All heavy atoms as atom14 arrays in JSON, in Angstrom:
{
  "sequence": "GLHGGGWHLHGRGGKLNVHLDYSLHPKLQLERRLNLIVYLT",
  "atom14_mask": [
    [1, 1, 1, 1, 0, 0, 0, 0, 0, 0, 0, 0, 0, 0],
    [1, 1, 1, 1, 1, 1, 1, 1, 0, 0, 0, 0, 0, 0],
    [1, 1, 1, 1, 1, 1, 1, 1, 1, 1, 0, 0, 0, 0],
    [1, 1, 1, 1, 0, 0, 0, 0, 0, 0, 0, 0, 0, 0],
    [1, 1, 1, 1, 0, 0, 0, 0, 0, 0, 0, 0, 0, 0],
    [1, 1, 1, 1, 0, 0, 0, 0, 0, 0, 0, 0, 0, 0],
    [1, 1, 1, 1, 1, 1, 1, 1, 1, 1, 1, 1, 1, 1],
    [1, 1, 1, 1, 1, 1, 1, 1, 1, 1, 0, 0, 0, 0],
    [1, 1, 1, 1, 1, 1, 1, 1, 0, 0, 0, 0, 0, 0],
    [1, 1, 1, 1, 1, 1, 1, 1, 1, 1, 0, 0, 0, 0],
    [1, 1, 1, 1, 0, 0, 0, 0, 0, 0, 0, 0, 0, 0],
    [1, 1, 1, 1, 1, 1, 1, 1, 1, 1, 1, 0, 0, 0],
    [1, 1, 1, 1, 0, 0, 0, 0, 0, 0, 0, 0, 0, 0],
    [1, 1, 1, 1, 0, 0, 0, 0, 0, 0, 0, 0, 0, 0],
    [1, 1, 1, 1, 1, 1, 1, 1, 1, 0, 0, 0, 0, 0],
    [1, 1, 1, 1, 1, 1, 1, 1, 0, 0, 0, 0, 0, 0],
    [1, 1, 1, 1, 1, 1, 1, 1, 0, 0, 0, 0, 0, 0],
    [1, 1, 1, 1, 1, 1, 1, 0, 0, 0, 0, 0, 0, 0],
    [1, 1, 1, 1, 1, 1, 1, 1, 1, 1, 0, 0, 0, 0],
    [1, 1, 1, 1, 1, 1, 1, 1, 0, 0, 0, 0, 0, 0],
    [1, 1, 1, 1, 1, 1, 1, 1, 0, 0, 0, 0, 0, 0],
    [1, 1, 1, 1, 1, 1, 1, 1, 1, 1, 1, 1, 0, 0],
    [1, 1, 1, 1, 1, 1, 0, 0, 0, 0, 0, 0, 0, 0],
    [1, 1, 1, 1, 1, 1, 1, 1, 0, 0, 0, 0, 0, 0],
    [1, 1, 1, 1, 1, 1, 1, 1, 1, 1, 0, 0, 0, 0],
    [1, 1, 1, 1, 1, 1, 1, 0, 0, 0, 0, 0, 0, 0],
    [1, 1, 1, 1, 1, 1, 1, 1, 1, 0, 0, 0, 0, 0],
    [1, 1, 1, 1, 1, 1, 1, 1, 0, 0, 0, 0, 0, 0],
    [1, 1, 1, 1, 1, 1, 1, 1, 1, 0, 0, 0, 0, 0],
    [1, 1, 1, 1, 1, 1, 1, 1, 0, 0, 0, 0, 0, 0],
    [1, 1, 1, 1, 1, 1, 1, 1, 1, 0, 0, 0, 0, 0],
    [1, 1, 1, 1, 1, 1, 1, 1, 1, 1, 1, 0, 0, 0],
    [1, 1, 1, 1, 1, 1, 1, 1, 1, 1, 1, 0, 0, 0],
    [1, 1, 1, 1, 1, 1, 1, 1, 0, 0, 0, 0, 0, 0],
    [1, 1, 1, 1, 1, 1, 1, 1, 0, 0, 0, 0, 0, 0],
    [1, 1, 1, 1, 1, 1, 1, 1, 0, 0, 0, 0, 0, 0],
    [1, 1, 1, 1, 1, 1, 1, 1, 0, 0, 0, 0, 0, 0],
    [1, 1, 1, 1, 1, 1, 1, 0, 0, 0, 0, 0, 0, 0],
    [1, 1, 1, 1, 1, 1, 1, 1, 1, 1, 1, 1, 0, 0],
    [1, 1, 1, 1, 1, 1, 1, 1, 0, 0, 0, 0, 0, 0],
    [1, 1, 1, 1, 1, 1, 1, 0, 0, 0, 0, 0, 0, 0]
  ],
  "atom14_positions": [
    [[-129.29, 145.57, -151.58], [-129.1, 145.33, -153.02], [-129.19, 143.79, -153.38], [-129.19, 143.43, -154.49], [0.0, 0.0, 0.0], [0.0, 0.0, 0.0], [0.0, 0.0, 0.0], [0.0, 0.0, 0.0], [0.0, 0.0, 0.0], [0.0, 0.0, 0.0], [0.0, 0.0, 0.0], [0.0, 0.0, 0.0], [0.0, 0.0, 0.0], [0.0, 0.0, 0.0]],
    [[-129.48, 142.96, -152.3], [-129.71, 141.56, -152.48], [-128.56, 140.98, -153.16], [-128.8, 140.0, -154.07], [-131.0, 141.33, -153.19], [-132.22, 141.77, -152.45], [-133.64, 141.52, -153.24], [-132.38, 141.22, -151.03], [0.0, 0.0, 0.0], [0.0, 0.0, 0.0], [0.0, 0.0, 0.0], [0.0, 0.0, 0.0], [0.0, 0.0, 0.0], [0.0, 0.0, 0.0]],
    [[-127.35, 141.31, -153.03], [-126.19, 140.69, -153.66], [-126.11, 139.22, -153.27], [-125.79, 138.99, -152.09], [-124.9, 141.49, -153.36], [-123.75, 140.99, -154.15], [-123.5, 141.49, -155.28], [-122.81, 140.03, -153.9], [-122.48, 140.87, -155.78], [-121.92, 140.1, -154.91], [0.0, 0.0, 0.0], [0.0, 0.0, 0.0], [0.0, 0.0, 0.0], [0.0, 0.0, 0.0]],
    [[-126.39, 138.35, -154.17], [-126.37, 136.87, -153.77], [-127.65, 136.53, -153.13], [-127.81, 135.35, -152.82], [0.0, 0.0, 0.0], [0.0, 0.0, 0.0], [0.0, 0.0, 0.0], [0.0, 0.0, 0.0], [0.0, 0.0, 0.0], [0.0, 0.0, 0.0], [0.0, 0.0, 0.0], [0.0, 0.0, 0.0], [0.0, 0.0, 0.0], [0.0, 0.0, 0.0]],
    [[-128.52, 137.34, -153.06], [-129.91, 137.11, -152.48], [-131.07, 137.14, -153.46], [-130.82, 137.0, -154.65], [0.0, 0.0, 0.0], [0.0, 0.0, 0.0], [0.0, 0.0, 0.0], [0.0, 0.0, 0.0], [0.0, 0.0, 0.0], [0.0, 0.0, 0.0], [0.0, 0.0, 0.0], [0.0, 0.0, 0.0], [0.0, 0.0, 0.0], [0.0, 0.0, 0.0]],
    [[-132.28, 137.31, -152.99], [-133.34, 137.23, -153.87], [-133.88, 135.8, -154.1], [-133.76, 134.96, -153.17], [0.0, 0.0, 0.0], [0.0, 0.0, 0.0], [0.0, 0.0, 0.0], [0.0, 0.0, 0.0], [0.0, 0.0, 0.0], [0.0, 0.0, 0.0], [0.0, 0.0, 0.0], [0.0, 0.0, 0.0], [0.0, 0.0, 0.0], [0.0, 0.0, 0.0]],
    [[-134.45, 135.61, -155.26], [-134.95, 134.15, -155.51], [-133.85, 133.44, -156.09], [-132.99, 133.88, -156.97], [-136.01, 134.38, -156.62], [-137.4, 134.81, -156.19], [-137.96, 134.56, -155.05], [-138.29, 135.51, -156.93], [-139.23, 135.13, -155.01], [-139.39, 135.62, -156.27], [-138.25, 135.99, -158.36], [-140.6, 136.36, -156.71], [-139.35, 136.71, -158.7], [-140.54, 136.82, -158.04]],
    [[-133.72, 132.18, -155.74], [-132.87, 131.26, -156.41], [-133.62, 129.92, -156.88], [-134.57, 129.55, -156.01], [-131.8, 130.86, -155.47], [-130.84, 131.9, -155.21], [-129.67, 131.92, -155.66], [-130.99, 133.05, -154.48], [-128.98, 133.07, -155.31], [-129.81, 133.74, -154.61], [0.0, 0.0, 0.0], [0.0, 0.0, 0.0], [0.0, 0.0, 0.0], [0.0, 0.0, 0.0]],
    [[-133.43, 129.46, -157.92], [-134.26, 128.25, -158.46], [-133.24, 127.23, -159.21], [-132.4, 127.68, -159.96], [-135.25, 128.87, -159.47], [-136.27, 127.9, -160.11], [-137.25, 127.39, -159.07], [-137.06, 128.58, -161.17], [0.0, 0.0, 0.0], [0.0, 0.0, 0.0], [0.0, 0.0, 0.0], [0.0, 0.0, 0.0], [0.0, 0.0, 0.0], [0.0, 0.0, 0.0]],
    [[-133.57, 126.08, -158.78], [-132.72, 124.94, -159.39], [-133.72, 123.99, -160.18], [-134.63, 123.62, -159.58], [-132.03, 124.1, -158.35], [-130.91, 124.8, -157.6], [-131.12, 125.68, -156.59], [-129.65, 124.82, -157.82], [-129.93, 126.15, -156.09], [-129.07, 125.7, -156.94], [0.0, 0.0, 0.0], [0.0, 0.0, 0.0], [0.0, 0.0, 0.0], [0.0, 0.0, 0.0]],
    [[-133.36, 123.8, -161.37], [-134.14, 122.78, -162.17], [-133.61, 121.41, -161.98], [-132.68, 121.17, -161.23], [0.0, 0.0, 0.0], [0.0, 0.0, 0.0], [0.0, 0.0, 0.0], [0.0, 0.0, 0.0], [0.0, 0.0, 0.0], [0.0, 0.0, 0.0], [0.0, 0.0, 0.0], [0.0, 0.0, 0.0], [0.0, 0.0, 0.0], [0.0, 0.0, 0.0]],
    [[-134.19, 120.49, -162.76], [-133.85, 119.15, -162.66], [-132.22, 119.06, -163.17], [-131.97, 119.67, -164.13], [-134.67, 118.25, -163.71], [-134.31, 116.84, -163.6], [-135.13, 115.92, -164.61], [-136.69, 116.32, -164.47], [-137.38, 115.62, -163.64], [-136.98, 114.63, -162.99], [-138.68, 115.86, -163.69], [0.0, 0.0, 0.0], [0.0, 0.0, 0.0], [0.0, 0.0, 0.0]],
    [[-131.48, 118.41, -162.28], [-130.03, 118.38, -162.62], [-129.29, 119.58, -162.13], [-128.03, 119.74, -162.28], [0.0, 0.0, 0.0], [0.0, 0.0, 0.0], [0.0, 0.0, 0.0], [0.0, 0.0, 0.0], [0.0, 0.0, 0.0], [0.0, 0.0, 0.0], [0.0, 0.0, 0.0], [0.0, 0.0, 0.0], [0.0, 0.0, 0.0], [0.0, 0.0, 0.0]],
    [[-130.03, 120.54, -161.43], [-129.37, 121.8, -160.99], [-128.41, 121.38, -159.74], [-128.39, 120.33, -159.24], [0.0, 0.0, 0.0], [0.0, 0.0, 0.0], [0.0, 0.0, 0.0], [0.0, 0.0, 0.0], [0.0, 0.0, 0.0], [0.0, 0.0, 0.0], [0.0, 0.0, 0.0], [0.0, 0.0, 0.0], [0.0, 0.0, 0.0], [0.0, 0.0, 0.0]],
    [[-127.47, 122.34, -159.5], [-126.55, 122.07, -158.44], [-126.03, 123.34, -157.88], [-126.0, 124.4, -158.39], [-125.35, 121.2, -158.96], [-124.46, 122.09, -159.92], [-123.26, 121.3, -160.35], [-122.45, 122.13, -161.42], [-121.36, 121.34, -161.89], [0.0, 0.0, 0.0], [0.0, 0.0, 0.0], [0.0, 0.0, 0.0], [0.0, 0.0, 0.0], [0.0, 0.0, 0.0]],
    [[-125.53, 123.17, -156.72], [-124.77, 124.34, -155.98], [-123.75, 123.45, -155.02], [-124.13, 122.91, -153.96], [-125.7, 125.14, -155.12], [-125.06, 126.35, -154.35], [-124.2, 127.19, -155.31], [-125.98, 127.09, -153.55], [0.0, 0.0, 0.0], [0.0, 0.0, 0.0], [0.0, 0.0, 0.0], [0.0, 0.0, 0.0], [0.0, 0.0, 0.0], [0.0, 0.0, 0.0]],
    [[-122.61, 123.42, -155.6], [-121.59, 122.58, -154.86], [-121.3, 123.08, -153.51], [-121.59, 124.28, -153.24], [-120.32, 122.49, -155.65], [-120.43, 121.58, -156.89], [-121.44, 120.99, -157.04], [-119.38, 121.5, -157.73], [0.0, 0.0, 0.0], [0.0, 0.0, 0.0], [0.0, 0.0, 0.0], [0.0, 0.0, 0.0], [0.0, 0.0, 0.0], [0.0, 0.0, 0.0]],
    [[-120.61, 122.25, -152.72], [-120.28, 122.65, -151.33], [-119.28, 123.92, -151.58], [-118.38, 123.8, -152.38], [-119.48, 121.65, -150.63], [-118.97, 121.97, -149.28], [-120.54, 120.36, -150.42], [0.0, 0.0, 0.0], [0.0, 0.0, 0.0], [0.0, 0.0, 0.0], [0.0, 0.0, 0.0], [0.0, 0.0, 0.0], [0.0, 0.0, 0.0], [0.0, 0.0, 0.0]],
    [[-119.5, 124.89, -150.72], [-118.63, 126.06, -150.85], [-118.72, 126.81, -149.54], [-119.58, 126.68, -148.74], [-119.04, 127.01, -151.98], [-120.43, 127.58, -151.81], [-121.61, 126.95, -152.07], [-120.83, 128.79, -151.4], [-122.59, 127.67, -151.82], [-122.23, 128.87, -151.34], [0.0, 0.0, 0.0], [0.0, 0.0, 0.0], [0.0, 0.0, 0.0], [0.0, 0.0, 0.0]],
    [[-117.72, 127.74, -149.41], [-117.69, 128.73, -148.22], [-118.05, 129.98, -148.77], [-117.54, 130.58, -149.75], [-116.23, 128.67, -147.68], [-116.01, 129.55, -146.48], [-116.84, 129.14, -145.34], [-114.55, 129.56, -146.11], [0.0, 0.0, 0.0], [0.0, 0.0, 0.0], [0.0, 0.0, 0.0], [0.0, 0.0, 0.0], [0.0, 0.0, 0.0], [0.0, 0.0, 0.0]],
    [[-119.14, 130.58, -148.21], [-119.61, 131.86, -148.6], [-118.57, 132.98, -148.31], [-117.79, 132.81, -147.33], [-120.89, 132.28, -147.85], [-122.18, 131.66, -148.53], [-122.03, 130.99, -149.6], [-123.2, 131.64, -147.85], [0.0, 0.0, 0.0], [0.0, 0.0, 0.0], [0.0, 0.0, 0.0], [0.0, 0.0, 0.0], [0.0, 0.0, 0.0], [0.0, 0.0, 0.0]],
    [[-118.54, 133.95, -149.23], [-117.53, 135.05, -148.98], [-117.97, 135.81, -147.63], [-119.17, 135.96, -147.32], [-117.47, 135.91, -150.21], [-118.85, 136.54, -150.69], [-119.16, 137.76, -150.18], [-119.58, 135.87, -151.54], [-120.37, 138.37, -150.52], [-120.73, 136.39, -152.0], [-121.16, 137.65, -151.47], [-122.36, 138.21, -151.91], [0.0, 0.0, 0.0], [0.0, 0.0, 0.0]],
    [[-117.01, 136.33, -147.01], [-117.32, 136.93, -145.72], [-117.31, 138.44, -145.88], [-117.88, 139.1, -144.92], [-116.26, 136.56, -144.62], [-114.94, 136.9, -145.1], [0.0, 0.0, 0.0], [0.0, 0.0, 0.0], [0.0, 0.0, 0.0], [0.0, 0.0, 0.0], [0.0, 0.0, 0.0], [0.0, 0.0, 0.0], [0.0, 0.0, 0.0], [0.0, 0.0, 0.0]],
    [[-116.75, 138.99, -146.86], [-116.8, 140.51, -147.06], [-117.61, 140.87, -148.19], [-117.44, 140.35, -149.32], [-115.28, 141.03, -147.28], [-115.09, 142.55, -147.36], [-115.5, 143.04, -145.86], [-113.65, 142.86, -147.57], [0.0, 0.0, 0.0], [0.0, 0.0, 0.0], [0.0, 0.0, 0.0], [0.0, 0.0, 0.0], [0.0, 0.0, 0.0], [0.0, 0.0, 0.0]],
    [[-118.63, 141.67, -148.03], [-119.48, 142.05, -149.18], [-118.67, 142.76, -150.21], [-117.99, 143.79, -149.82], [-120.62, 142.96, -148.63], [-121.74, 143.21, -149.62], [-121.64, 144.02, -150.65], [-122.95, 142.68, -149.64], [-122.8, 144.03, -151.42], [-123.6, 143.22, -150.74], [0.0, 0.0, 0.0], [0.0, 0.0, 0.0], [0.0, 0.0, 0.0], [0.0, 0.0, 0.0]],
    [[-118.79, 142.31, -151.38], [-117.86, 142.98, -152.51], [-118.1, 144.43, -152.84], [-117.29, 145.06, -153.34], [-118.1, 142.08, -153.68], [-119.4, 141.45, -153.55], [-119.54, 141.32, -151.99], [0.0, 0.0, 0.0], [0.0, 0.0, 0.0], [0.0, 0.0, 0.0], [0.0, 0.0, 0.0], [0.0, 0.0, 0.0], [0.0, 0.0, 0.0], [0.0, 0.0, 0.0]],
    [[-119.31, 144.89, -152.64], [-119.69, 146.29, -152.85], [-119.63, 147.23, -151.66], [-119.23, 148.35, -151.72], [-121.09, 146.38, -153.56], [-121.0, 145.72, -154.89], [-122.31, 145.91, -155.72], [-122.1, 145.31, -157.08], [-123.45, 145.4, -157.72], [0.0, 0.0, 0.0], [0.0, 0.0, 0.0], [0.0, 0.0, 0.0], [0.0, 0.0, 0.0], [0.0, 0.0, 0.0]],
    [[-120.19, 146.64, -150.5], [-120.27, 147.51, -149.35], [-119.07, 147.43, -148.46], [-118.86, 148.31, -147.51], [-121.54, 147.04, -148.46], [-122.93, 147.15, -149.25], [-124.0, 146.58, -148.26], [-123.23, 148.57, -149.51], [0.0, 0.0, 0.0], [0.0, 0.0, 0.0], [0.0, 0.0, 0.0], [0.0, 0.0, 0.0], [0.0, 0.0, 0.0], [0.0, 0.0, 0.0]],
    [[-118.21, 146.37, -148.76], [-117.04, 146.17, -147.9], [-117.43, 146.01, -146.39], [-116.57, 146.43, -145.52], [-116.03, 147.4, -148.16], [-115.52, 147.44, -149.52], [-114.82, 146.11, -150.1], [-113.9, 145.64, -149.42], [-115.3, 145.58, -151.09], [0.0, 0.0, 0.0], [0.0, 0.0, 0.0], [0.0, 0.0, 0.0], [0.0, 0.0, 0.0], [0.0, 0.0, 0.0]],
    [[-118.53, 145.48, -146.19], [-118.92, 145.14, -144.79], [-118.82, 143.62, -144.53], [-119.09, 142.83, -145.57], [-120.38, 145.59, -144.45], [-120.58, 147.11, -144.53], [-122.06, 147.42, -144.42], [-119.84, 147.94, -143.48], [0.0, 0.0, 0.0], [0.0, 0.0, 0.0], [0.0, 0.0, 0.0], [0.0, 0.0, 0.0], [0.0, 0.0, 0.0], [0.0, 0.0, 0.0]],
    [[-118.67, 143.17, -143.33], [-118.5, 141.78, -143.15], [-120.01, 141.2, -143.2], [-121.03, 141.73, -142.72], [-118.11, 141.56, -141.71], [-118.01, 140.15, -141.25], [-117.57, 139.93, -139.78], [-117.63, 140.86, -139.03], [-117.1, 138.89, -139.55], [0.0, 0.0, 0.0], [0.0, 0.0, 0.0], [0.0, 0.0, 0.0], [0.0, 0.0, 0.0], [0.0, 0.0, 0.0]],
    [[-120.06, 140.11, -143.96], [-121.34, 139.3, -144.08], [-121.44, 138.44, -142.84], [-120.66, 137.72, -142.59], [-121.33, 138.61, -145.35], [-121.4, 139.4, -146.55], [-121.51, 138.57, -147.82], [-122.79, 137.86, -147.92], [-122.95, 136.63, -148.15], [-121.97, 135.83, -148.31], [-124.18, 136.07, -148.2], [0.0, 0.0, 0.0], [0.0, 0.0, 0.0], [0.0, 0.0, 0.0]],
    [[-122.55, 138.52, -142.15], [-122.8, 137.85, -140.88], [-123.71, 136.68, -140.92], [-123.5, 135.64, -140.36], [-123.14, 138.71, -139.73], [-122.21, 139.87, -139.41], [-120.97, 139.37, -138.82], [-121.01, 138.35, -137.78], [-121.11, 138.68, -136.5], [-121.01, 140.05, -136.06], [-121.2, 137.86, -135.5], [0.0, 0.0, 0.0], [0.0, 0.0, 0.0], [0.0, 0.0, 0.0]],
    [[-124.98, 136.82, -141.59], [-125.96, 135.88, -141.63], [-126.57, 135.64, -142.99], [-126.55, 136.68, -143.77], [-127.1, 136.35, -140.69], [-126.83, 136.57, -139.2], [-127.93, 137.15, -138.51], [-126.41, 135.2, -138.59], [0.0, 0.0, 0.0], [0.0, 0.0, 0.0], [0.0, 0.0, 0.0], [0.0, 0.0, 0.0], [0.0, 0.0, 0.0], [0.0, 0.0, 0.0]],
    [[-126.97, 134.5, -143.18], [-127.66, 134.11, -144.44], [-129.14, 133.64, -143.92], [-129.32, 132.98, -142.88], [-127.03, 132.99, -145.2], [-125.92, 133.47, -146.04], [-125.82, 134.7, -146.32], [-125.1, 132.65, -146.52], [0.0, 0.0, 0.0], [0.0, 0.0, 0.0], [0.0, 0.0, 0.0], [0.0, 0.0, 0.0], [0.0, 0.0, 0.0], [0.0, 0.0, 0.0]],
    [[-130.04, 133.93, -144.75], [-131.48, 133.38, -144.47], [-131.85, 132.72, -145.8], [-131.78, 133.35, -146.95], [-132.39, 134.53, -144.22], [-133.89, 134.09, -144.23], [-134.38, 133.26, -143.22], [-134.73, 135.43, -144.06], [0.0, 0.0, 0.0], [0.0, 0.0, 0.0], [0.0, 0.0, 0.0], [0.0, 0.0, 0.0], [0.0, 0.0, 0.0], [0.0, 0.0, 0.0]],
    [[-132.27, 131.5, -145.72], [-132.73, 130.69, -146.82], [-134.17, 130.26, -146.47], [-134.39, 129.71, -145.35], [-131.94, 129.44, -147.21], [-130.53, 129.87, -147.69], [-132.58, 128.61, -148.22], [-129.52, 128.69, -147.77], [0.0, 0.0, 0.0], [0.0, 0.0, 0.0], [0.0, 0.0, 0.0], [0.0, 0.0, 0.0], [0.0, 0.0, 0.0], [0.0, 0.0, 0.0]],
    [[-135.16, 130.54, -147.24], [-136.54, 129.95, -147.09], [-136.89, 129.1, -148.31], [-136.89, 129.7, -149.43], [-137.5, 131.06, -146.8], [-138.89, 130.53, -146.54], [-136.97, 131.98, -145.66], [0.0, 0.0, 0.0], [0.0, 0.0, 0.0], [0.0, 0.0, 0.0], [0.0, 0.0, 0.0], [0.0, 0.0, 0.0], [0.0, 0.0, 0.0], [0.0, 0.0, 0.0]],
    [[-137.28, 127.82, -148.06], [-137.66, 127.02, -149.1], [-139.11, 127.21, -149.38], [-140.06, 127.05, -148.53], [-137.41, 125.55, -148.77], [-135.98, 125.21, -148.51], [-135.42, 125.05, -147.28], [-135.18, 125.14, -149.59], [-134.07, 124.72, -147.05], [-133.71, 124.86, -149.41], [-133.28, 124.68, -148.17], [-131.82, 124.41, -147.98], [0.0, 0.0, 0.0], [0.0, 0.0, 0.0]],
    [[-139.49, 127.36, -150.65], [-140.76, 127.66, -151.12], [-141.28, 126.73, -152.29], [-142.0, 127.27, -153.19], [-140.94, 129.17, -151.5], [-140.81, 130.11, -150.31], [-140.72, 131.65, -150.86], [-141.88, 130.02, -149.38], [0.0, 0.0, 0.0], [0.0, 0.0, 0.0], [0.0, 0.0, 0.0], [0.0, 0.0, 0.0], [0.0, 0.0, 0.0], [0.0, 0.0, 0.0]],
    [[-140.81, 125.54, -152.25], [-141.16, 124.55, -153.24], [-142.1, 123.51, -152.47], [-141.6, 122.58, -151.89], [-139.97, 123.87, -153.92], [-139.21, 124.93, -154.51], [-140.45, 122.97, -155.02], [0.0, 0.0, 0.0], [0.0, 0.0, 0.0], [0.0, 0.0, 0.0], [0.0, 0.0, 0.0], [0.0, 0.0, 0.0], [0.0, 0.0, 0.0], [0.0, 0.0, 0.0]]
  ]
}
């Protein structure tokens, strides 16, 4: 379902503050283990 996944885009002045990702998937109720980020700019 790509919850929190898919494409993400920041424009000029965009931000994503320091945060701790949630560990339990809110819909599947499964533990989230890994993230994959690929920069394509």
